[in-house]
PDB file of N, CA and C in Angstrom:
ATOM      1  N   MET A   1      -4.434  -1.388 -11.639  1.00  0.00           N
ATOM      2  CA  MET A   1      -3.479  -2.174 -10.897  1.00  0.00           C
ATOM      3  C   MET A   1      -3.790  -2.145  -9.406  1.00  0.00           C
ATOM      4  N   GLU A   2      -4.365  -1.039  -8.936  1.00  0.00           N
ATOM      5  CA  GLU A   2      -4.768  -0.985  -7.536  1.00  0.00           C
ATOM      6  C   GLU A   2      -5.783  -2.075  -7.211  1.00  0.00           C
ATOM      7  N   ARG A   3      -6.609  -2.407  -8.190  1.00  0.00           N
ATOM      8  CA  ARG A   3      -7.612  -3.453  -7.976  1.00  0.00           C
ATOM      9  C   ARG A   3      -6.954  -4.785  -7.631  1.00  0.00           C
ATOM     10  N   ALA A   4      -5.829  -5.113  -8.265  1.00  0.00           N
ATOM     11  CA  ALA A   4      -5.128  -6.374  -7.977  1.00  0.00           C
ATOM     12  C   ALA A   4      -4.672  -6.400  -6.519  1.00  0.00           C
ATOM     13  N   ILE A   5      -4.179  -5.282  -6.016  1.00  0.00           N
ATOM     14  CA  ILE A   5      -3.741  -5.224  -4.614  1.00  0.00           C
ATOM     15  C   ILE A   5      -4.956  -5.289  -3.691  1.00  0.00           C
ATOM     16  N   ARG A   6      -6.003  -4.545  -4.024  1.00  0.00           N
ATOM     17  CA  ARG A   6      -7.223  -4.567  -3.200  1.00  0.00           C
ATOM     18  C   ARG A   6      -7.785  -5.983  -3.110  1.00  0.00           C
ATOM     19  N   GLU A   7      -7.858  -6.684  -4.226  1.00  0.00           N
ATOM     20  CA  GLU A   7      -8.371  -8.059  -4.223  1.00  0.00           C
ATOM     21  C   GLU A   7      -7.474  -9.000  -3.425  1.00  0.00           C
ATOM     22  N   ALA A   8      -6.165  -8.792  -3.509  1.00  0.00           N
ATOM     23  CA  ALA A   8      -5.238  -9.628  -2.728  1.00  0.00           C
ATOM     24  C   ALA A   8      -5.402  -9.369  -1.237  1.00  0.00           C
ATOM     25  N   LEU A   9      -5.525  -8.116  -0.849  1.00  0.00           N
ATOM     26  CA  LEU A   9      -5.734  -7.782   0.557  1.00  0.00           C
ATOM     27  C   LEU A   9      -7.044  -8.386   1.063  1.00  0.00           C
ATOM     28  N   ASP A  10      -8.090  -8.282   0.252  1.00  0.00           N
ATOM     29  CA  ASP A  10      -9.381  -8.879   0.617  1.00  0.00           C
ATOM     30  C   ASP A  10      -9.253 -10.390   0.772  1.00  0.00           C
ATOM     31  N   SER A  11      -8.582 -11.016  -0.181  1.00  0.00           N
ATOM     32  CA  SER A  11      -8.401 -12.473  -0.162  1.00  0.00           C
ATOM     33  C   SER A  11      -7.645 -12.935   1.081  1.00  0.00           C
ATOM     34  N   ALA A  12      -6.655 -12.137   1.492  1.00  0.00           N
ATOM     35  CA  ALA A  12      -5.837 -12.487   2.648  1.00  0.00           C
ATOM     36  C   ALA A  12      -6.482 -12.045   3.966  1.00  0.00           C
ATOM     37  N   GLY A  13      -7.617 -11.347   3.884  1.00  0.00           N
ATOM     38  CA  GLY A  13      -8.292 -10.889   5.096  1.00  0.00           C
ATOM     39  C   GLY A  13      -7.555  -9.765   5.804  1.00  0.00           C
ATOM     40  N   ILE A  14      -6.842  -8.966   5.047  1.00  0.00           N
ATOM     41  CA  ILE A  14      -6.076  -7.850   5.616  1.00  0.00           C
ATOM     42  C   ILE A  14      -6.914  -6.580   5.540  1.00  0.00           C
ATOM     43  N   ARG A  15      -7.103  -5.972   6.706  1.00  0.00           N
ATOM     44  CA  ARG A  15      -7.883  -4.737   6.773  1.00  0.00           C
ATOM     45  C   ARG A  15      -7.072  -3.595   6.182  1.00  0.00           C
ATOM     46  N   TYR A  16      -7.732  -2.754   5.396  1.00  0.00           N
ATOM     47  CA  TYR A  16      -7.070  -1.603   4.792  1.00  0.00           C
ATOM     48  C   TYR A  16      -8.052  -0.442   4.683  1.00  0.00           C
ATOM     49  N   VAL A  17      -7.496   0.734   4.521  1.00  0.00           N
ATOM     50  CA  VAL A  17      -8.266   1.946   4.299  1.00  0.00           C
ATOM     51  C   VAL A  17      -7.747   2.564   3.013  1.00  0.00           C
ATOM     52  N   ILE A  18      -8.670   3.001   2.163  1.00  0.00           N
ATOM     53  CA  ILE A  18      -8.301   3.739   0.963  1.00  0.00           C
ATOM     54  C   ILE A  18      -8.617   5.206   1.254  1.00  0.00           C
ATOM     55  N   PRO A  19      -7.605   6.042   1.327  1.00  0.00           N
ATOM     56  CA  PRO A  19      -7.814   7.431   1.755  1.00  0.00           C
ATOM     57  C   PRO A  19      -8.477   8.295   0.681  1.00  0.00           C
ATOM     58  N   HIS A  20      -9.795   8.120   0.506  1.00  0.00           N
ATOM     59  CA  HIS A  20     -10.534   8.913  -0.489  1.00  0.00           C
ATOM     60  C   HIS A  20     -10.700  10.354  -0.041  1.00  0.00           C
ATOM     61  N   ASP A  21     -11.188  10.531   1.165  1.00  0.00           N
ATOM     62  CA  ASP A  21     -11.543  11.849   1.664  1.00  0.00           C
ATOM     63  C   ASP A  21     -10.491  12.310   2.658  1.00  0.00           C
ATOM     64  N   THR A  22      -9.439  12.912   2.137  1.00  0.00           N
ATOM     65  CA  THR A  22      -8.333  13.312   2.990  1.00  0.00           C
ATOM     66  C   THR A  22      -7.789  14.660   2.535  1.00  0.00           C
ATOM     67  N   HIS A  23      -7.159  15.361   3.423  1.00  0.00           N
ATOM     68  CA  HIS A  23      -6.558  16.650   3.065  1.00  0.00           C
ATOM     69  C   HIS A  23      -5.375  16.472   2.121  1.00  0.00           C
ATOM     70  N   LEU A  24      -4.896  15.241   1.976  1.00  0.00           N
ATOM     71  CA  LEU A  24      -3.762  14.983   1.084  1.00  0.00           C
ATOM     72  C   LEU A  24      -4.180  14.944  -0.371  1.00  0.00           C
ATOM     73  N   GLY A  25      -5.464  14.739  -0.608  1.00  0.00           N
ATOM     74  CA  GLY A  25      -5.992  14.740  -1.970  1.00  0.00           C
ATOM     75  C   GLY A  25      -5.282  13.763  -2.874  1.00  0.00           C
ATOM     76  N   ALA A  26      -4.918  14.224  -4.061  1.00  0.00           N
ATOM     77  CA  ALA A  26      -4.309  13.359  -5.068  1.00  0.00           C
ATOM     78  C   ALA A  26      -2.929  12.861  -4.652  1.00  0.00           C
ATOM     79  N   GLY A  27      -2.339  13.463  -3.635  1.00  0.00           N
ATOM     80  CA  GLY A  27      -1.022  13.023  -3.175  1.00  0.00           C
ATOM     81  C   GLY A  27      -1.080  11.885  -2.183  1.00  0.00           C
ATOM     82  N   ALA A  28      -2.278  11.458  -1.797  1.00  0.00           N
ATOM     83  CA  ALA A  28      -2.421  10.402  -0.791  1.00  0.00           C
ATOM     84  C   ALA A  28      -1.887   9.076  -1.312  1.00  0.00           C
ATOM     85  N   LEU A  29      -1.565   8.198  -0.383  1.00  0.00           N
ATOM     86  CA  LEU A  29      -1.122   6.850  -0.742  1.00  0.00           C
ATOM     87  C   LEU A  29      -2.342   5.996  -1.063  1.00  0.00           C
ATOM     88  N   ASP A  30      -2.147   4.904  -1.790  1.00  0.00           N
ATOM     89  CA  ASP A  30      -3.276   4.097  -2.255  1.00  0.00           C
ATOM     90  C   ASP A  30      -3.949   3.296  -1.149  1.00  0.00           C
ATOM     91  N   PHE A  31      -3.171   2.698  -0.246  1.00  0.00           N
ATOM     92  CA  PHE A  31      -3.733   1.845   0.798  1.00  0.00           C
ATOM     93  C   PHE A  31      -3.027   2.129   2.120  1.00  0.00           C
ATOM     94  N   ASP A  32      -3.803   2.194   3.180  1.00  0.00           N
ATOM     95  CA  ASP A  32      -3.280   2.285   4.542  1.00  0.00           C
ATOM     96  C   ASP A  32      -3.650   0.978   5.228  1.00  0.00           C
ATOM     97  N   LEU A  33      -2.669   0.303   5.806  1.00  0.00           N
ATOM     98  CA  LEU A  33      -2.890  -0.963   6.515  1.00  0.00           C
ATOM     99  C   LEU A  33      -2.671  -0.704   8.001  1.00  0.00           C
ATOM    100  N   PRO A  34      -3.693  -0.212   8.704  1.00  0.00           N
ATOM    101  CA  PRO A  34      -3.513   0.231  10.086  1.00  0.00           C
ATOM    102  C   PRO A  34      -3.086  -0.867  11.052  1.00  0.00           C
ATOM    103  N   ASP A  35      -3.444  -2.115  10.799  1.00  0.00           N
ATOM    104  CA  ASP A  35      -3.061  -3.200  11.702  1.00  0.00           C
ATOM    105  C   ASP A  35      -1.600  -3.616  11.532  1.00  0.00           C
ATOM    106  N   HIS A  36      -0.956  -3.100  10.502  1.00  0.00           N
ATOM    107  CA  HIS A  36       0.401  -3.531  10.177  1.00  0.00           C
ATOM    108  C   HIS A  36       1.408  -2.382  10.178  1.00  0.00           C
ATOM    109  N   GLY A  37       0.937  -1.162  10.394  1.00  0.00           N
ATOM    110  CA  GLY A  37       1.845  -0.021  10.394  1.00  0.00           C
ATOM    111  C   GLY A  37       2.463   0.229   9.040  1.00  0.00           C
ATOM    112  N   LEU A  38       1.721  -0.080   7.969  1.00  0.00           N
ATOM    113  CA  LEU A  38       2.227   0.041   6.603  1.00  0.00           C
ATOM    114  C   LEU A  38       1.260   0.805   5.719  1.00  0.00           C
ATOM    115  N   SER A  39       1.808   1.345   4.652  1.00  0.00           N
ATOM    116  CA  SER A  39       1.006   1.883   3.554  1.00  0.00           C
ATOM    117  C   SER A  39       1.524   1.247   2.278  1.00  0.00           C
ATOM    118  N   ILE A  40       0.668   1.210   1.262  1.00  0.00           N
ATOM    119  CA  ILE A  40       1.065   0.682  -0.048  1.00  0.00           C
ATOM    120  C   ILE A  40       0.745   1.730  -1.096  1.00  0.00           C
ATOM    121  N   GLU A  41       1.691   1.963  -1.989  1.00  0.00           N
ATOM    122  CA  GLU A  41       1.495   2.849  -3.135  1.00  0.00           C
ATOM    123  C   GLU A  41       1.752   2.036  -4.398  1.00  0.00           C
ATOM    124  N   VAL A  42       0.844   2.145  -5.340  1.00  0.00           N
ATOM    125  CA  VAL A  42       0.928   1.406  -6.605  1.00  0.00           C
ATOM    126  C   VAL A  42       1.169   2.417  -7.727  1.00  0.00           C
ATOM    127  N   LYS A  43       2.174   2.156  -8.527  1.00  0.00           N
ATOM    128  CA  LYS A  43       2.515   3.038  -9.642  1.00  0.00           C
ATOM    129  C   LYS A  43       2.636   2.222 -10.922  1.00  0.00           C
ATOM    130  N   GLN A  44       2.055   2.733 -11.986  1.00  0.00           N
ATOM    131  CA  GLN A  44       2.238   2.086 -13.283  1.00  0.00           C
ATOM    132  C   GLN A  44       3.660   2.338 -13.781  1.00  0.00           C
ATOM    133  N   PHE A  45       4.142   3.559 -13.525  1.00  0.00           N
ATOM    134  CA  PHE A  45       5.500   3.937 -13.919  1.00  0.00           C
ATOM    135  C   PHE A  45       5.934   5.085 -13.016  1.00  0.00           C
ATOM    136  N   HIS A  46       7.208   5.420 -13.052  1.00  0.00           N
ATOM    137  CA  HIS A  46       7.733   6.481 -12.196  1.00  0.00           C
ATOM    138  C   HIS A  46       7.074   7.816 -12.530  1.00  0.00           C
ATOM    139  N   SER A  47       6.833   8.614 -11.484  1.00  0.00           N
ATOM    140  CA  SER A  47       6.335   9.970 -11.682  1.00  0.00           C
ATOM    141  C   SER A  47       6.990  10.873 -10.643  1.00  0.00           C
ATOM    142  N   PRO A  48       7.115  12.156 -10.933  1.00  0.00           N
ATOM    143  CA  PRO A  48       7.721  13.076  -9.968  1.00  0.00           C
ATOM    144  C   PRO A  48       6.956  13.135  -8.639  1.00  0.00           C
ATOM    145  N   ARG A  49       5.667  12.834  -8.646  1.00  0.00           N
ATOM    146  CA  ARG A  49       4.837  12.900  -7.443  1.00  0.00           C
ATOM    147  C   ARG A  49       5.268  11.899  -6.372  1.00  0.00           C
ATOM    148  N   ILE A  50       5.956  10.836  -6.748  1.00  0.00           N
ATOM    149  CA  ILE A  50       6.330   9.783  -5.793  1.00  0.00           C
ATOM    150  C   ILE A  50       7.228  10.335  -4.686  1.00  0.00           C
ATOM    151  N   ALA A  51       8.065  11.309  -4.990  1.00  0.00           N
ATOM    152  CA  ALA A  51       8.953  11.868  -3.959  1.00  0.00           C
ATOM    153  C   ALA A  51       8.140  12.467  -2.818  1.00  0.00           C
ATOM    154  N   LYS A  52       7.095  13.216  -3.131  1.00  0.00           N
ATOM    155  CA  LYS A  52       6.237  13.790  -2.092  1.00  0.00           C
ATOM    156  C   LYS A  52       5.497  12.676  -1.351  1.00  0.00           C
ATOM    157  N   GLN A  53       5.024  11.687  -2.074  1.00  0.00           N
ATOM    158  CA  GLN A  53       4.272  10.609  -1.441  1.00  0.00           C
ATOM    159  C   GLN A  53       5.132   9.831  -0.449  1.00  0.00           C
ATOM    160  N   MET A  54       6.405   9.709  -0.701  1.00  0.00           N
ATOM    161  CA  MET A  54       7.287   8.965   0.201  1.00  0.00           C
ATOM    162  C   MET A  54       7.468   9.666   1.541  1.00  0.00           C
ATOM    163  N   THR A  55       7.085  10.935   1.633  1.00  0.00           N
ATOM    164  CA  THR A  55       7.180  11.661   2.897  1.00  0.00           C
ATOM    165  C   THR A  55       5.907  11.524   3.738  1.00  0.00           C
ATOM    166  N   LEU A  56       4.876  10.877   3.225  1.00  0.00           N
ATOM    167  CA  LEU A  56       3.576  10.834   3.896  1.00  0.00           C
ATOM    168  C   LEU A  56       3.487   9.808   5.017  1.00  0.00           C
ATOM    169  N   ALA A  57       4.353   8.823   5.023  1.00  0.00           N
ATOM    170  CA  ALA A  57       4.311   7.775   6.042  1.00  0.00           C
ATOM    171  C   ALA A  57       5.712   7.192   6.189  1.00  0.00           C
ATOM    172  N   PRO A  58       6.032   6.651   7.374  1.00  0.00           N
ATOM    173  CA  PRO A  58       7.384   6.126   7.577  1.00  0.00           C
ATOM    174  C   PRO A  58       7.615   4.738   6.969  1.00  0.00           C
ATOM    175  N   ASN A  59       6.547   3.970   6.703  1.00  0.00           N
ATOM    176  CA  ASN A  59       6.691   2.594   6.216  1.00  0.00           C
ATOM    177  C   ASN A  59       5.777   2.392   5.009  1.00  0.00           C
ATOM    178  N   ILE A  60       6.373   2.494   3.815  1.00  0.00           N
ATOM    179  CA  ILE A  60       5.597   2.422   2.579  1.00  0.00           C
ATOM    180  C   ILE A  60       6.180   1.344   1.686  1.00  0.00           C
ATOM    181  N   ILE A  61       5.303   0.482   1.201  1.00  0.00           N
ATOM    182  CA  ILE A  61       5.675  -0.487   0.168  1.00  0.00           C
ATOM    183  C   ILE A  61       5.240   0.119  -1.159  1.00  0.00           C
ATOM    184  N   VAL A  62       6.168   0.253  -2.090  1.00  0.00           N
ATOM    185  CA  VAL A  62       5.848   0.787  -3.410  1.00  0.00           C
ATOM    186  C   VAL A  62       6.003  -0.325  -4.426  1.00  0.00           C
ATOM    187  N   ALA A  63       4.960  -0.546  -5.195  1.00  0.00           N
ATOM    188  CA  ALA A  63       5.026  -1.501  -6.304  1.00  0.00           C
ATOM    189  C   ALA A  63       4.903  -0.682  -7.584  1.00  0.00           C
ATOM    190  N   GLN A  64       5.959  -0.675  -8.375  1.00  0.00           N
ATOM    191  CA  GLN A  64       5.983   0.117  -9.605  1.00  0.00           C
ATOM    192  C   GLN A  64       6.090  -0.805 -10.805  1.00  0.00           C
ATOM    193  N   GLY A  65       5.127  -0.725 -11.684  1.00  0.00           N
ATOM    194  CA  GLY A  65       5.104  -1.565 -12.880  1.00  0.00           C
ATOM    195  C   GLY A  65       4.192  -2.764 -12.688  1.00  0.00           C
ATOM    196  N   ARG A  66       3.579  -3.200 -13.776  1.00  0.00           N
ATOM    197  CA  ARG A  66       2.599  -4.283 -13.725  1.00  0.00           C
ATOM    198  C   ARG A  66       3.171  -5.571 -13.133  1.00  0.00           C
ATOM    199  N   VAL A  67       4.377  -5.953 -13.512  1.00  0.00           N
ATOM    200  CA  VAL A  67       4.972  -7.193 -13.016  1.00  0.00           C
ATOM    201  C   VAL A  67       5.180  -7.100 -11.504  1.00  0.00           C
ATOM    202  N   ALA A  68       5.668  -5.966 -11.024  1.00  0.00           N
ATOM    203  CA  ALA A  68       5.892  -5.791  -9.585  1.00  0.00           C
ATOM    204  C   ALA A  68       4.571  -5.807  -8.822  1.00  0.00           C
ATOM    205  N   VAL A  69       3.550  -5.174  -9.360  1.00  0.00           N
ATOM    206  CA  VAL A  69       2.240  -5.142  -8.692  1.00  0.00           C
ATOM    207  C   VAL A  69       1.656  -6.550  -8.604  1.00  0.00           C
ATOM    208  N   MET A  70       1.726  -7.292  -9.686  1.00  0.00           N
ATOM    209  CA  MET A  70       1.180  -8.653  -9.679  1.00  0.00           C
ATOM    210  C   MET A  70       1.983  -9.549  -8.734  1.00  0.00           C
ATOM    211  N   ALA A  71       3.300  -9.354  -8.661  1.00  0.00           N
ATOM    212  CA  ALA A  71       4.122 -10.132  -7.736  1.00  0.00           C
ATOM    213  C   ALA A  71       3.751  -9.808  -6.291  1.00  0.00           C
ATOM    214  N   LEU A  72       3.569  -8.529  -5.973  1.00  0.00           N
ATOM    215  CA  LEU A  72       3.173  -8.146  -4.618  1.00  0.00           C
ATOM    216  C   LEU A  72       1.806  -8.735  -4.274  1.00  0.00           C
ATOM    217  N   ALA A  73       0.864  -8.669  -5.202  1.00  0.00           N
ATOM    218  CA  ALA A  73      -0.467  -9.239  -4.961  1.00  0.00           C
ATOM    219  C   ALA A  73      -0.353 -10.737  -4.676  1.00  0.00           C
ATOM    220  N   HIS A  74       0.476 -11.423  -5.418  1.00  0.00           N
ATOM    221  CA  HIS A  74       0.681 -12.855  -5.217  1.00  0.00           C
ATOM    222  C   HIS A  74       1.270 -13.133  -3.834  1.00  0.00           C
ATOM    223  N   MET A  75       2.252 -12.342  -3.422  1.00  0.00           N
ATOM    224  CA  MET A  75       2.870 -12.522  -2.107  1.00  0.00           C
ATOM    225  C   MET A  75       1.861 -12.260  -0.990  1.00  0.00           C
ATOM    226  N   ILE A  76       1.027 -11.246  -1.154  1.00  0.00           N
ATOM    227  CA  ILE A  76       0.019 -10.939  -0.139  1.00  0.00           C
ATOM    228  C   ILE A  76      -0.955 -12.111  -0.017  1.00  0.00           C
ATOM    229  N   ARG A  77      -1.413 -12.635  -1.131  1.00  0.00           N
ATOM    230  CA  ARG A  77      -2.348 -13.771  -1.099  1.00  0.00           C
ATOM    231  C   ARG A  77      -1.711 -14.994  -0.454  1.00  0.00           C
ATOM    232  N   GLY A  78      -0.427 -15.197  -0.693  1.00  0.00           N
ATOM    233  CA  GLY A  78       0.247 -16.395  -0.230  1.00  0.00           C
ATOM    234  C   GLY A  78       0.495 -16.445   1.261  1.00  0.00           C
ATOM    235  N   GLY A  79       0.829 -15.331   1.850  1.00  0.00           N
ATOM    236  CA  GLY A  79       1.181 -15.396   3.260  1.00  0.00           C
ATOM    237  C   GLY A  79       0.659 -14.268   4.102  1.00  0.00           C
ATOM    238  N   GLY A  80      -0.029 -13.343   3.487  1.00  0.00           N
ATOM    239  CA  GLY A  80      -0.510 -12.216   4.262  1.00  0.00           C
ATOM    240  C   GLY A  80       0.651 -11.377   4.754  1.00  0.00           C
ATOM    241  N   LEU A  81       0.422 -10.635   5.790  1.00  0.00           N
ATOM    242  CA  LEU A  81       1.442  -9.764   6.357  1.00  0.00           C
ATOM    243  C   LEU A  81       1.486  -9.966   7.859  1.00  0.00           C
ATOM    244  N   PRO A  82       2.655  -9.870   8.450  1.00  0.00           N
ATOM    245  CA  PRO A  82       2.712  -9.975   9.918  1.00  0.00           C
ATOM    246  C   PRO A  82       2.098  -8.724  10.541  1.00  0.00           C
ATOM    247  N   ALA A  83       1.631  -8.862  11.754  1.00  0.00           N
ATOM    248  CA  ALA A  83       1.120  -7.699  12.481  1.00  0.00           C
ATOM    249  C   ALA A  83       2.256  -6.721  12.729  1.00  0.00           C
ATOM    250  N   ALA A  84       1.919  -5.470  12.895  1.00  0.00           N
ATOM    251  CA  ALA A  84       2.935  -4.455  13.159  1.00  0.00           C
ATOM    252  C   ALA A  84       3.607  -4.738  14.495  1.00  0.00           C
ATOM    253  N   PRO A  85       4.923  -4.592  14.555  1.00  0.00           N
ATOM    254  CA  PRO A  85       5.602  -4.757  15.838  1.00  0.00           C
ATOM    255  C   PRO A  85       5.137  -3.684  16.822  1.00  0.00           C
ATOM    256  N   ALA A  86       5.200  -3.984  18.089  1.00  0.00           N
ATOM    257  CA  ALA A  86       4.798  -3.006  19.109  1.00  0.00           C
ATOM    258  C   ALA A  86       5.571  -1.715  18.915  1.00  0.00           C
ATOM    259  N   GLY A  87       4.870  -0.626  18.936  1.00  0.00           N
ATOM    260  CA  GLY A  87       5.517   0.676  18.817  1.00  0.00           C
ATOM    261  C   GLY A  87       5.809   1.102  17.388  1.00  0.00           C
ATOM    262  N   ALA A  88       5.440   0.292  16.401  1.00  0.00           N
ATOM    263  CA  ALA A  88       5.694   0.662  14.997  1.00  0.00           C
ATOM    264  C   ALA A  88       4.831   1.846  14.619  1.00  0.00           C
ATOM    265  N   GLN A  89       5.422   2.764  13.879  1.00  0.00           N
ATOM    266  CA  GLN A  89       4.684   3.926  13.415  1.00  0.00           C
ATOM    267  C   GLN A  89       4.092   3.665  12.053  1.00  0.00           C
ATOM    268  N   LYS A  90       2.939   4.246  11.844  1.00  0.00           N
ATOM    269  CA  LYS A  90       2.308   4.160  10.535  1.00  0.00           C
ATOM    270  C   LYS A  90       2.520   5.461   9.826  1.00  0.00           C
TER     271      LYS A  90
END
């Protein structure tokens, strides 16, 4: 499901970072969007780990479930994302 979001971000020309090599390890979020002050986490279903992940960044979009992930990918392709407001924290 992460691939659907990655392809949508690529299609919309949105720069992102996938935190592969980080001290957060398996608890890291799936995508960091540094130009927008956002992170994205993709979940197939609820897991206890999500509570810890929600503390990793102040602005996180979570898509849980295949229908939600595909809807988010569609929205990203359709309009992209606005730039982060001045002073927004990531």
